Amino acid sequence: MKRYLLPALTALLCATCVTWAQNSSASGNNDGTLGGVRYLEPGQPPVVIHPTVEAAKRARGGGGSASKNLYYHGGTSDGLEGSIGVETAPRIYLVFWGSQWDNNDPSGEANLLENFLPGASGSSWLNSVTQYCQGVASGTYFCNGAGTPAGNATGEFAGYWYDNASAAPKHPTQSQLANEAVNAASHFGETSVADNANAQYVIATATGNSSSGFGKRYCAYHSSTSSSYGDVAYTNLPYITDAGTSCGANFNGLGPDAGITIVEGHEAAETITDQFPSGGWLDSSGYENGDKCAWITTGNQGAAADVSFSTGTYPVQSLWSNAFNSDSGGCVLSYP
């Protein structure tokens, strides 16, 4: 029997919850939350922030809930591509933005990312995204073969680019990061609406060169921007080790560089399941599949751990699965 939960009243209340989360967080302050939807810059679309370790701890210590399942928010209209909610055939591009990267990578973050992302693609760790889909009614909790599922196949990492002909802004704004994502789309030849319905661009900035709020209000965020190439999805990925323990250094005993792959894995999975925030899969508090499982330390709740991939072993966090625990949901490190 198919399990569709489409209560109109519940959907209305949940939409109200998300709107409240957005409006109450216009300043970008994420104290006491597990991350979620924010407006950071006037005139820019919403972002979904990755919480700091301290913010996640406060949220859980203060009764912050991550127990409710994700549901579909109806997608985002994107021209001839219709309503886009998930990436059905993801392509991940990595951009090292600015001449500040030249001979200046003390933690070796570039090499870690270049090897982690190909291994994560097609892995059982990332496979939980495939239970979420688009082309179903808003308010759907379980796809059960309906719609088109999010993809997880080997080869999703599509390439990297050192855009280092000139310096990136010292503290790039959201609009500047969005412009760089559009530049990346042009560089990689992803210049149509159809191309960008499945592409995401990870904009990595060099050490000492992060956006305002990094390490205090968030560790990273993902968002989208409109362009002549259609809507373009991107991640703002600062130099994670600059934030120390606030963004995962030595988290759960996983080593000083643990936050690099924990944070980018979180953002990649969230972009796949909520391509253009926030039309994809979120819960009633505006949390995505990564937010709900961020910075967990207790093993039976899906604690972050070292996971073996085809390209090596890397620290990752668990991801939310609606199907876990007889459809009650929970944080998992592999799926099914």
C-alpha atoms as a PDB file:
ATOM      1  CA  MET A   1       0.000   0.000   0.000  1.00  0.00           C
ATOM      2  CA  LYS A   2       1.359   3.393  -0.910  1.00  0.00           C
ATOM      3  CA  ARG A   3       2.021   5.773   1.964  1.00  0.00           C
ATOM      4  CA  TYR A   4       1.057   9.301   0.925  1.00  0.00           C
ATOM      5  CA  LEU A   5       0.483  11.818   3.703  1.00  0.00           C
ATOM      6  CA  LEU A   6      -1.104  14.938   2.290  1.00  0.00           C
ATOM      7  CA  PRO A   7      -3.073  16.630   5.068  1.00  0.00           C
ATOM      8  CA  ALA A   8      -3.834  20.130   3.864  1.00  0.00           C
ATOM      9  CA  LEU A   9      -3.932  21.600   7.334  1.00  0.00           C
ATOM     10  CA  THR A  10      -0.598  20.057   8.299  1.00  0.00           C
ATOM     11  CA  ALA A  11       1.009  21.318   5.107  1.00  0.00           C
ATOM     12  CA  LEU A  12      -0.321  24.803   5.792  1.00  0.00           C
ATOM     13  CA  LEU A  13       1.000  24.771   9.344  1.00  0.00           C
ATOM     14  CA  CYS A  14       4.368  23.433   8.184  1.00  0.00           C
ATOM     15  CA  ALA A  15       4.639  26.174   5.577  1.00  0.00           C
ATOM     16  CA  THR A  16       3.957  28.667   8.321  1.00  0.00           C
ATOM     17  CA  CYS A  17       6.758  27.137  10.398  1.00  0.00           C
ATOM     18  CA  VAL A  18       9.239  27.514   7.550  1.00  0.00           C
ATOM     19  CA  THR A  19       8.186  31.108   6.937  1.00  0.00           C
ATOM     20  CA  TRP A  20       8.669  31.885  10.612  1.00  0.00           C
ATOM     21  CA  ALA A  21      12.116  30.274  10.561  1.00  0.00           C
ATOM     22  CA  GLN A  22      13.098  32.399   7.579  1.00  0.00           C
ATOM     23  CA  ASN A  23      11.741  35.689   8.840  1.00  0.00           C
ATOM     24  CA  SER A  24      12.972  35.285  12.396  1.00  0.00           C
ATOM     25  CA  SER A  25      16.464  34.545  11.174  1.00  0.00           C
ATOM     26  CA  ALA A  26      16.970  37.396   8.751  1.00  0.00           C
ATOM     27  CA  SER A  27      20.161  38.364  10.535  1.00  0.00           C
ATOM     28  CA  GLY A  28      21.631  34.922   9.928  1.00  0.00           C
ATOM     29  CA  ASN A  29      21.999  34.152  13.637  1.00  0.00           C
ATOM     30  CA  ASN A  30      21.652  30.406  14.114  1.00  0.00           C
ATOM     31  CA  ASP A  31      22.090  30.189  17.888  1.00  0.00           C
ATOM     32  CA  GLY A  32      20.066  27.331  19.305  1.00  0.00           C
ATOM     33  CA  THR A  33      19.035  25.790  15.976  1.00  0.00           C
ATOM     34  CA  LEU A  34      20.180  22.878  13.833  1.00  0.00           C
ATOM     35  CA  GLY A  35      20.716  25.189  10.872  1.00  0.00           C
ATOM     36  CA  GLY A  36      17.976  25.613   8.295  1.00  0.00           C
ATOM     37  CA  VAL A  37      16.631  28.332   6.036  1.00  0.00           C
ATOM     38  CA  ARG A  38      17.894  31.910   6.378  1.00  0.00           C
ATOM     39  CA  TYR A  39      17.914  35.199   4.472  1.00  0.00           C
ATOM     40  CA  LEU A  40      21.419  36.647   4.649  1.00  0.00           C
ATOM     41  CA  GLU A  41      21.507  39.419   2.049  1.00  0.00           C
ATOM     42  CA  PRO A  42      18.710  41.714   0.852  1.00  0.00           C
ATOM     43  CA  GLY A  43      17.563  40.841  -2.641  1.00  0.00           C
ATOM     44  CA  GLN A  44      19.160  37.382  -2.570  1.00  0.00           C
ATOM     45  CA  PRO A  45      17.338  34.025  -2.370  1.00  0.00           C
ATOM     46  CA  PRO A  46      17.300  32.079   0.895  1.00  0.00           C
ATOM     47  CA  VAL A  47      20.272  29.988   1.961  1.00  0.00           C
ATOM     48  CA  VAL A  48      20.322  26.866   4.103  1.00  0.00           C
ATOM     49  CA  ILE A  49      23.097  27.127   6.647  1.00  0.00           C
ATOM     50  CA  HIS A  50      25.232  24.382   8.146  1.00  0.00           C
ATOM     51  CA  PRO A  51      25.227  24.958  11.939  1.00  0.00           C
ATOM     52  CA  THR A  52      28.363  25.229  13.996  1.00  0.00           C
ATOM     53  CA  VAL A  53      29.119  22.494  16.514  1.00  0.00           C
ATOM     54  CA  GLU A  54      28.132  24.829  19.360  1.00  0.00           C
ATOM     55  CA  ALA A  55      24.806  25.775  17.758  1.00  0.00           C
ATOM     56  CA  ALA A  56      23.872  22.133  17.212  1.00  0.00           C
ATOM     57  CA  LYS A  57      24.783  21.304  20.808  1.00  0.00           C
ATOM     58  CA  ARG A  58      22.637  24.157  22.133  1.00  0.00           C
ATOM     59  CA  ALA A  59      19.719  23.115  19.946  1.00  0.00           C
ATOM     60  CA  ARG A  60      19.749  19.528  21.146  1.00  0.00           C
ATOM     61  CA  GLY A  61      20.418  20.513  24.746  1.00  0.00           C
ATOM     62  CA  GLY A  62      17.498  22.922  24.663  1.00  0.00           C
ATOM     63  CA  GLY A  63      15.074  20.394  23.262  1.00  0.00           C
ATOM     64  CA  GLY A  64      15.573  21.240  19.591  1.00  0.00           C
ATOM     65  CA  SER A  65      13.839  18.461  17.681  1.00  0.00           C
ATOM     66  CA  ALA A  66      15.070  16.562  14.669  1.00  0.00           C
ATOM     67  CA  SER A  67      12.551  13.750  14.962  1.00  0.00           C
ATOM     68  CA  LYS A  68      10.002  14.678  12.281  1.00  0.00           C
ATOM     69  CA  ASN A  69      10.344  13.428   8.730  1.00  0.00           C
ATOM     70  CA  LEU A  70      11.121  15.458   5.634  1.00  0.00           C
ATOM     71  CA  TYR A  71       8.333  16.228   3.189  1.00  0.00           C
ATOM     72  CA  TYR A  72       8.269  17.597  -0.364  1.00  0.00           C
ATOM     73  CA  HIS A  73       7.786  21.338  -0.724  1.00  0.00           C
ATOM     74  CA  GLY A  74       6.571  21.326  -4.331  1.00  0.00           C
ATOM     75  CA  GLY A  75       9.733  22.230  -6.210  1.00  0.00           C
ATOM     76  CA  THR A  76      10.885  25.512  -7.753  1.00  0.00           C
ATOM     77  CA  SER A  77       9.635  26.508 -11.200  1.00  0.00           C
ATOM     78  CA  ASP A  78      12.549  26.632 -13.639  1.00  0.00           C
ATOM     79  CA  GLY A  79      11.284  27.410 -17.115  1.00  0.00           C
ATOM     80  CA  LEU A  80      10.900  24.496 -19.502  1.00  0.00           C
ATOM     81  CA  GLU A  81      12.317  22.129 -16.871  1.00  0.00           C
ATOM     82  CA  GLY A  82       9.176  22.541 -14.784  1.00  0.00           C
ATOM     83  CA  SER A  83       9.313  22.272 -10.994  1.00  0.00           C
ATOM     84  CA  ILE A  84      12.757  21.229  -9.734  1.00  0.00           C
ATOM     85  CA  GLY A  85      13.013  19.803  -6.237  1.00  0.00           C
ATOM     86  CA  VAL A  86      15.906  17.344  -6.387  1.00  0.00           C
ATOM     87  CA  GLU A  87      18.885  16.568  -8.600  1.00  0.00           C
ATOM     88  CA  THR A  88      17.893  13.450 -10.517  1.00  0.00           C
ATOM     89  CA  ALA A  89      21.334  13.064 -12.133  1.00  0.00           C
ATOM     90  CA  PRO A  90      23.698  15.166  -9.974  1.00  0.00           C
ATOM     91  CA  ARG A  91      26.872  16.736 -11.273  1.00  0.00           C
ATOM     92  CA  ILE A  92      29.179  18.313  -8.701  1.00  0.00           C
ATOM     93  CA  TYR A  93      31.756  20.916  -9.729  1.00  0.00           C
ATOM     94  CA  LEU A  94      34.442  22.170  -7.361  1.00  0.00           C
ATOM     95  CA  VAL A  95      35.789  25.716  -7.748  1.00  0.00           C
ATOM     96  CA  PHE A  96      38.834  27.036  -5.889  1.00  0.00           C
ATOM     97  CA  TRP A  97      38.136  30.726  -6.108  1.00  0.00           C
ATOM     98  CA  GLY A  98      40.881  33.334  -6.094  1.00  0.00           C
ATOM     99  CA  SER A  99      44.633  33.681  -6.369  1.00  0.00           C
ATOM    100  CA  GLN A 100      44.711  33.310  -2.570  1.00  0.00           C
ATOM    101  CA  TRP A 101      44.837  29.547  -3.220  1.00  0.00           C
ATOM    102  CA  ASP A 102      48.226  29.798  -4.953  1.00  0.00           C
ATOM    103  CA  ASN A 103      50.739  27.858  -2.835  1.00  0.00           C
ATOM    104  CA  ASN A 104      48.500  28.501   0.154  1.00  0.00           C
ATOM    105  CA  ASP A 105      46.630  25.426   1.381  1.00  0.00           C
ATOM    106  CA  PRO A 106      48.073  24.607   4.839  1.00  0.00           C
ATOM    107  CA  SER A 107      45.505  21.902   5.669  1.00  0.00           C
ATOM    108  CA  GLY A 108      45.516  20.303   2.218  1.00  0.00           C
ATOM    109  CA  GLU A 109      41.807  20.963   1.845  1.00  0.00           C
ATOM    110  CA  ALA A 110      41.898  21.025  -1.956  1.00  0.00           C
ATOM    111  CA  ASN A 111      43.365  17.535  -2.239  1.00  0.00           C
ATOM    112  CA  LEU A 112      40.941  16.136   0.328  1.00  0.00           C
ATOM    113  CA  LEU A 113      37.937  17.537  -1.523  1.00  0.00           C
ATOM    114  CA  GLU A 114      39.200  16.411  -4.929  1.00  0.00           C
ATOM    115  CA  ASN A 115      39.406  12.835  -3.638  1.00  0.00           C
ATOM    116  CA  PHE A 116      36.412  12.759  -1.298  1.00  0.00           C
ATOM    117  CA  LEU A 117      33.749  13.882  -3.770  1.00  0.00           C
ATOM    118  CA  PRO A 118      34.455  11.195  -6.408  1.00  0.00           C
ATOM    119  CA  GLY A 119      34.355   8.527  -3.692  1.00  0.00           C
ATOM    120  CA  ALA A 120      31.136   9.802  -2.152  1.00  0.00           C
ATOM    121  CA  SER A 121      29.349   9.611  -5.511  1.00  0.00           C
ATOM    122  CA  GLY A 122      27.492   6.329  -5.785  1.00  0.00           C
ATOM    123  CA  SER A 123      28.325   5.302  -2.224  1.00  0.00           C
ATOM    124  CA  SER A 124      25.950   3.613   0.203  1.00  0.00           C
ATOM    125  CA  TRP A 125      26.518   6.596   2.505  1.00  0.00           C
ATOM    126  CA  LEU A 126      24.971   9.008  -0.031  1.00  0.00           C
ATOM    127  CA  ASN A 127      22.337   6.549  -1.224  1.00  0.00           C
ATOM    128  CA  SER A 128      19.691   7.732   1.241  1.00  0.00           C
ATOM    129  CA  VAL A 129      19.012  10.674  -1.097  1.00  0.00           C
ATOM    130  CA  THR A 130      17.380   8.288  -3.581  1.00  0.00           C
ATOM    131  CA  GLN A 131      14.269   7.869  -1.403  1.00  0.00           C
ATOM    132  CA  TYR A 132      13.374  11.516  -2.119  1.00  0.00           C
ATOM    133  CA  CYS A 133      11.904  12.610  -5.445  1.00  0.00           C
ATOM    134  CA  GLN A 134      10.239  15.339  -7.483  1.00  0.00           C
ATOM    135  CA  GLY A 135       7.082  15.285  -9.558  1.00  0.00           C
ATOM    136  CA  VAL A 136       4.865  14.391  -6.603  1.00  0.00           C
ATOM    137  CA  ALA A 137       2.364  16.472  -4.660  1.00  0.00           C
ATOM    138  CA  SER A 138       3.570  19.024  -2.155  1.00  0.00           C
ATOM    139  CA  GLY A 139       3.321  17.506   1.310  1.00  0.00           C
ATOM    140  CA  THR A 140       4.376  14.000   0.218  1.00  0.00           C
ATOM    141  CA  TYR A 141       6.500  12.128   2.761  1.00  0.00           C
ATOM    142  CA  PHE A 142       7.122   8.859   0.872  1.00  0.00           C
ATOM    143  CA  CYS A 143       7.601   8.580  -2.889  1.00  0.00           C
ATOM    144  CA  ASN A 144       7.047   4.813  -3.171  1.00  0.00           C
ATOM    145  CA  GLY A 145       8.108   4.733  -6.808  1.00  0.00           C
ATOM    146  CA  ALA A 146       6.156   7.845  -7.802  1.00  0.00           C
ATOM    147  CA  GLY A 147       7.843  10.856  -9.379  1.00  0.00           C
ATOM    148  CA  THR A 148      11.529  10.899 -10.307  1.00  0.00           C
ATOM    149  CA  PRO A 149      14.018  10.091  -7.533  1.00  0.00           C
ATOM    150  CA  ALA A 150      17.167  11.987  -6.635  1.00  0.00           C
ATOM    151  CA  GLY A 151      20.203  10.359  -8.187  1.00  0.00           C
ATOM    152  CA  ASN A 152      23.277   8.711  -6.701  1.00  0.00           C
ATOM    153  CA  ALA A 153      25.653   7.246  -9.236  1.00  0.00           C
ATOM    154  CA  THR A 154      29.398   6.954  -9.617  1.00  0.00           C
ATOM    155  CA  GLY A 155      30.913   9.749 -11.645  1.00  0.00           C
ATOM    156  CA  GLU A 156      28.842  12.569 -10.161  1.00  0.00           C
ATOM    157  CA  PHE A 157      31.985  14.563  -9.456  1.00  0.00           C
ATOM    158  CA  ALA A 158      32.320  16.346 -12.786  1.00  0.00           C
ATOM    159  CA  GLY A 159      35.518  18.339 -12.339  1.00  0.00           C
ATOM    160  CA  TYR A 160      37.366  21.131 -10.591  1.00  0.00           C
ATOM    161  CA  TRP A 161      38.669  24.568 -11.577  1.00  0.00           C
ATOM    162  CA  TYR A 162      41.244  26.870 -10.036  1.00  0.00           C
ATOM    163  CA  ASP A 163      39.811  30.287 -10.870  1.00  0.00           C
ATOM    164  CA  ASN A 164      42.976  32.036  -9.749  1.00  0.00           C
ATOM    165  CA  ALA A 165      43.660  34.698 -12.386  1.00  0.00           C
ATOM    166  CA  SER A 166      42.816  37.333  -9.788  1.00  0.00           C
ATOM    167  CA  ALA A 167      42.090  37.547  -6.075  1.00  0.00           C
ATOM    168  CA  ALA A 168      38.667  36.711  -4.729  1.00  0.00           C
ATOM    169  CA  PRO A 169      37.061  39.271  -2.388  1.00  0.00           C
ATOM    170  CA  LYS A 170      38.515  39.112   1.120  1.00  0.00           C
ATOM    171  CA  HIS A 171      35.056  38.529   2.602  1.00  0.00           C
ATOM    172  CA  PRO A 172      32.768  37.618  -0.307  1.00  0.00           C
ATOM    173  CA  THR A 173      29.099  38.481  -0.038  1.00  0.00           C
ATOM    174  CA  GLN A 174      26.304  36.123  -1.017  1.00  0.00           C
ATOM    175  CA  SER A 175      25.802  37.961  -4.307  1.00  0.00           C
ATOM    176  CA  GLN A 176      29.527  37.724  -5.110  1.00  0.00           C
ATOM    177  CA  LEU A 177      29.508  33.988  -4.400  1.00  0.00           C
ATOM    178  CA  ALA A 178      26.425  33.641  -6.601  1.00  0.00           C
ATOM    179  CA  ASN A 179      28.186  35.486  -9.439  1.00  0.00           C
ATOM    180  CA  GLU A 180      31.150  33.130  -9.131  1.00  0.00           C
ATOM    181  CA  ALA A 181      28.790  30.163  -9.407  1.00  0.00           C
ATOM    182  CA  VAL A 182      27.460  31.585 -12.681  1.00  0.00           C
ATOM    183  CA  ASN A 183      31.055  32.092 -13.875  1.00  0.00           C
ATOM    184  CA  ALA A 184      31.712  28.446 -13.051  1.00  0.00           C
ATOM    185  CA  ALA A 185      28.666  27.338 -15.024  1.00  0.00           C
ATOM    186  CA  SER A 186      30.060  29.192 -18.024  1.00  0.00           C
ATOM    187  CA  HIS A 187      33.534  27.732 -17.515  1.00  0.00           C
ATOM    188  CA  PHE A 188      32.217  24.163 -17.395  1.00  0.00           C
ATOM    189  CA  GLY A 189      29.858  24.668 -20.353  1.00  0.00           C
ATOM    190  CA  GLU A 190      26.696  24.248 -18.294  1.00  0.00           C
ATOM    191  CA  THR A 191      24.873  27.044 -20.077  1.00  0.00           C
ATOM    192  CA  SER A 192      21.256  25.929 -20.359  1.00  0.00           C
ATOM    193  CA  VAL A 193      18.341  25.570 -17.965  1.00  0.00           C
ATOM    194  CA  ALA A 194      18.411  21.811 -18.541  1.00  0.00           C
ATOM    195  CA  ASP A 195      22.125  21.635 -17.709  1.00  0.00           C
ATOM    196  CA  ASN A 196      21.726  23.438 -14.411  1.00  0.00           C
ATOM    197  CA  ALA A 197      18.708  21.455 -13.294  1.00  0.00           C
ATOM    198  CA  ASN A 198      21.231  18.862 -12.083  1.00  0.00           C
ATOM    199  CA  ALA A 199      24.477  20.790 -11.533  1.00  0.00           C
ATOM    200  CA  GLN A 200      25.859  22.188  -8.295  1.00  0.00           C
ATOM    201  CA  TYR A 201      28.929  24.377  -7.896  1.00  0.00           C
ATOM    202  CA  VAL A 202      31.013  24.245  -4.721  1.00  0.00           C
ATOM    203  CA  ILE A 203      32.712  27.631  -4.313  1.00  0.00           C
ATOM    204  CA  ALA A 204      35.694  27.017  -2.025  1.00  0.00           C
ATOM    205  CA  THR A 205      37.528  30.047  -0.663  1.00  0.00           C
ATOM    206  CA  ALA A 206      41.121  30.019   0.583  1.00  0.00           C
ATOM    207  CA  THR A 207      42.388  30.226   4.139  1.00  0.00           C
ATOM    208  CA  GLY A 208      41.772  33.614   5.748  1.00  0.00           C
ATOM    209  CA  ASN A 209      39.373  34.529   2.982  1.00  0.00           C
ATOM    210  CA  SER A 210      35.894  33.577   4.214  1.00  0.00           C
ATOM    211  CA  SER A 211      32.459  35.160   4.056  1.00  0.00           C
ATOM    212  CA  SER A 212      31.142  37.084   7.052  1.00  0.00           C
ATOM    213  CA  GLY A 213      29.676  34.866   9.764  1.00  0.00           C
ATOM    214  CA  PHE A 214      31.794  31.808   9.013  1.00  0.00           C
ATOM    215  CA  GLY A 215      32.649  29.837  12.153  1.00  0.00           C
ATOM    216  CA  LYS A 216      30.248  31.850  14.282  1.00  0.00           C
ATOM    217  CA  ARG A 217      26.888  31.757  12.532  1.00  0.00           C
ATOM    218  CA  TYR A 218      27.533  28.848  10.156  1.00  0.00           C
ATOM    219  CA  CYS A 219      30.174  26.519   8.734  1.00  0.00           C
ATOM    220  CA  ALA A 220      28.873  26.654   5.154  1.00  0.00           C
ATOM    221  CA  TYR A 221      25.636  27.199   3.276  1.00  0.00           C
ATOM    222  CA  HIS A 222      23.990  26.349  -0.009  1.00  0.00           C
ATOM    223  CA  SER A 223      21.692  28.472  -2.114  1.00  0.00           C
ATOM    224  CA  SER A 224      20.880  29.296  -5.732  1.00  0.00           C
ATOM    225  CA  THR A 225      20.810  32.255  -8.068  1.00  0.00           C
ATOM    226  CA  SER A 226      18.956  33.108 -11.263  1.00  0.00           C
ATOM    227  CA  SER A 227      20.898  33.565 -14.486  1.00  0.00           C
ATOM    228  CA  SER A 228      20.591  33.355 -18.253  1.00  0.00           C
ATOM    229  CA  TYR A 229      21.619  29.711 -17.781  1.00  0.00           C
ATOM    230  CA  GLY A 230      18.603  29.032 -15.580  1.00  0.00           C
ATOM    231  CA  ASP A 231      18.703  28.732 -11.815  1.00  0.00           C
ATOM    232  CA  VAL A 232      22.198  27.849 -10.599  1.00  0.00           C
ATOM    233  CA  ALA A 233      22.745  25.930  -7.339  1.00  0.00           C
ATOM    234  CA  TYR A 234      25.895  26.549  -5.344  1.00  0.00           C
ATOM    235  CA  THR A 235      27.602  26.003  -1.996  1.00  0.00           C
ATOM    236  CA  ASN A 236      29.615  28.565  -0.085  1.00  0.00           C
ATOM    237  CA  LEU A 237      32.461  26.437   1.313  1.00  0.00           C
ATOM    238  CA  PRO A 238      34.925  28.482   3.388  1.00  0.00           C
ATOM    239  CA  TYR A 239      38.321  27.117   4.428  1.00  0.00           C
ATOM    240  CA  ILE A 240      36.866  24.835   7.087  1.00  0.00           C
ATOM    241  CA  THR A 241      39.904  24.330   9.314  1.00  0.00           C
ATOM    242  CA  ASP A 242      40.099  28.097   9.864  1.00  0.00           C
ATOM    243  CA  ALA A 243      37.106  27.700  12.212  1.00  0.00           C
ATOM    244  CA  GLY A 244      38.778  25.012  14.345  1.00  0.00           C
ATOM    245  CA  THR A 245      36.480  22.973  16.590  1.00  0.00           C
ATOM    246  CA  SER A 246      33.448  25.121  15.732  1.00  0.00           C
ATOM    247  CA  CYS A 247      33.359  23.465  12.302  1.00  0.00           C
ATOM    248  CA  GLY A 248      34.611  20.004  13.123  1.00  0.00           C
ATOM    249  CA  ALA A 249      38.312  19.929  13.969  1.00  0.00           C
ATOM    250  CA  ASN A 250      38.823  16.710  15.972  1.00  0.00           C
ATOM    251  CA  PHE A 251      35.062  16.160  16.092  1.00  0.00           C
ATOM    252  CA  ASN A 252      34.275  12.770  17.639  1.00  0.00           C
ATOM    253  CA  GLY A 253      38.004  12.055  17.664  1.00  0.00           C
ATOM    254  CA  LEU A 254      38.085  11.983  13.856  1.00  0.00           C
ATOM    255  CA  GLY A 255      41.150  14.186  13.435  1.00  0.00           C
ATOM    256  CA  PRO A 256      41.984  17.857  12.843  1.00  0.00           C
ATOM    257  CA  ASP A 257      40.705  17.810   9.243  1.00  0.00           C
ATOM    258  CA  ALA A 258      37.434  15.998   9.982  1.00  0.00           C
ATOM    259  CA  GLY A 259      35.263  19.047   9.353  1.00  0.00           C
ATOM    260  CA  ILE A 260      36.351  19.393   5.726  1.00  0.00           C
ATOM    261  CA  THR A 261      34.552  16.295   4.458  1.00  0.00           C
ATOM    262  CA  ILE A 262      31.831  16.346   7.122  1.00  0.00           C
ATOM    263  CA  VAL A 263      30.740  19.830   6.050  1.00  0.00           C
ATOM    264  CA  GLU A 264      31.051  19.375   2.279  1.00  0.00           C
ATOM    265  CA  GLY A 265      29.326  15.988   2.431  1.00  0.00           C
ATOM    266  CA  HIS A 266      26.484  17.637   4.322  1.00  0.00           C
ATOM    267  CA  GLU A 267      26.160  20.386   1.694  1.00  0.00           C
ATOM    268  CA  ALA A 268      26.354  18.037  -1.297  1.00  0.00           C
ATOM    269  CA  ALA A 269      23.587  15.806   0.076  1.00  0.00           C
ATOM    270  CA  GLU A 270      21.383  18.769   0.918  1.00  0.00           C
ATOM    271  CA  THR A 271      21.768  20.294  -2.539  1.00  0.00           C
ATOM    272  CA  ILE A 272      20.829  16.980  -4.149  1.00  0.00           C
ATOM    273  CA  THR A 273      17.610  16.811  -2.094  1.00  0.00           C
ATOM    274  CA  ASP A 274      16.791  20.544  -2.106  1.00  0.00           C
ATOM    275  CA  GLN A 275      18.327  21.856  -5.300  1.00  0.00           C
ATOM    276  CA  PHE A 276      16.901  25.377  -5.125  1.00  0.00           C
ATOM    277  CA  PRO A 277      16.053  26.142  -1.482  1.00  0.00           C
ATOM    278  CA  SER A 278      13.511  25.613  -0.253  1.00  0.00           C
ATOM    279  CA  GLY A 279      11.391  23.763  -2.792  1.00  0.00           C
ATOM    280  CA  GLY A 280      12.755  20.286  -2.104  1.00  0.00           C
ATOM    281  CA  TRP A 281      12.722  18.091   0.990  1.00  0.00           C
ATOM    282  CA  LEU A 282      12.688  19.752   4.412  1.00  0.00           C
ATOM    283  CA  ASP A 283      10.928  19.117   7.692  1.00  0.00           C
ATOM    284  CA  SER A 284       8.394  21.386   9.378  1.00  0.00           C
ATOM    285  CA  SER A 285      11.187  23.415  11.011  1.00  0.00           C
ATOM    286  CA  GLY A 286      12.979  24.072   7.714  1.00  0.00           C
ATOM    287  CA  TYR A 287      15.756  21.528   8.338  1.00  0.00           C
ATOM    288  CA  GLU A 288      17.139  19.421   5.467  1.00  0.00           C
ATOM    289  CA  ASN A 289      18.560  15.889   5.497  1.00  0.00           C
ATOM    290  CA  GLY A 290      21.975  17.126   6.638  1.00  0.00           C
ATOM    291  CA  ASP A 291      20.805  19.631   9.248  1.00  0.00           C
ATOM    292  CA  LYS A 292      18.803  17.036  11.144  1.00  0.00           C
ATOM    293  CA  CYS A 293      21.887  14.902  11.697  1.00  0.00           C
ATOM    294  CA  ALA A 294      24.562  17.569  12.080  1.00  0.00           C
ATOM    295  CA  TRP A 295      27.278  17.098  14.703  1.00  0.00           C
ATOM    296  CA  ILE A 296      25.850  14.002  16.405  1.00  0.00           C
ATOM    297  CA  THR A 297      28.214  12.298  18.848  1.00  0.00           C
ATOM    298  CA  THR A 298      26.102   9.364  20.103  1.00  0.00           C
ATOM    299  CA  GLY A 299      26.554   6.188  18.082  1.00  0.00           C
ATOM    300  CA  ASN A 300      22.996   4.878  18.217  1.00  0.00           C
ATOM    301  CA  GLN A 301      21.726   8.210  16.856  1.00  0.00           C
ATOM    302  CA  GLY A 302      23.923   8.244  13.759  1.00  0.00           C
ATOM    303  CA  ALA A 303      27.162   9.737  15.047  1.00  0.00           C
ATOM    304  CA  ALA A 304      29.714  11.111  12.592  1.00  0.00           C
ATOM    305  CA  ALA A 305      32.293   8.452  11.726  1.00  0.00           C
ATOM    306  CA  ASP A 306      35.055   7.422   9.339  1.00  0.00           C
ATOM    307  CA  VAL A 307      33.505   5.726   6.294  1.00  0.00           C
ATOM    308  CA  SER A 308      35.352   3.836   3.563  1.00  0.00           C
ATOM    309  CA  PHE A 309      34.804   5.004  -0.005  1.00  0.00           C
ATOM    310  CA  SER A 310      36.355   3.899  -3.287  1.00  0.00           C
ATOM    311  CA  THR A 311      38.906   6.727  -2.984  1.00  0.00           C
ATOM    312  CA  GLY A 312      39.803   6.318   0.690  1.00  0.00           C
ATOM    313  CA  THR A 313      38.369   6.651   4.186  1.00  0.00           C
ATOM    314  CA  TYR A 314      36.871   9.990   5.195  1.00  0.00           C
ATOM    315  CA  PRO A 315      34.902  11.387   8.148  1.00  0.00           C
ATOM    316  CA  VAL A 316      31.245  12.043   7.323  1.00  0.00           C
ATOM    317  CA  GLN A 317      28.076  12.757   9.232  1.00  0.00           C
ATOM    318  CA  SER A 318      24.947  10.661   8.972  1.00  0.00           C
ATOM    319  CA  LEU A 319      22.022  11.762   6.777  1.00  0.00           C
ATOM    320  CA  TRP A 320      18.317  11.735   7.551  1.00  0.00           C
ATOM    321  CA  SER A 321      16.292   8.825   6.195  1.00  0.00           C
ATOM    322  CA  ASN A 322      12.489   8.979   6.341  1.00  0.00           C
ATOM    323  CA  ALA A 323      12.394   5.221   5.788  1.00  0.00           C
ATOM    324  CA  PHE A 324      14.556   4.360   8.801  1.00  0.00           C
ATOM    325  CA  ASN A 325      12.991   2.722  11.848  1.00  0.00           C
ATOM    326  CA  SER A 326       9.784   1.608  10.103  1.00  0.00           C
ATOM    327  CA  ASP A 327       9.243   5.016   8.514  1.00  0.00           C
ATOM    328  CA  SER A 328       9.661   6.911  11.777  1.00  0.00           C
ATOM    329  CA  GLY A 329      12.894   8.350  10.401  1.00  0.00           C
ATOM    330  CA  GLY A 330      16.400   8.688  11.719  1.00  0.00           C
ATOM    331  CA  CYS A 331      20.051   9.421  10.950  1.00  0.00           C
ATOM    332  CA  VAL A 332      21.903   6.763   8.935  1.00  0.00           C
ATOM    333  CA  LEU A 333      25.435   6.261   7.611  1.00  0.00           C
ATOM    334  CA  SER A 334      24.300   3.893   4.850  1.00  0.00           C
ATOM    335  CA  TYR A 335      21.122   3.115   2.906  1.00  0.00           C
ATOM    336  CA  PRO A 336      19.229   0.905   2.464  1.00  0.00           C
END
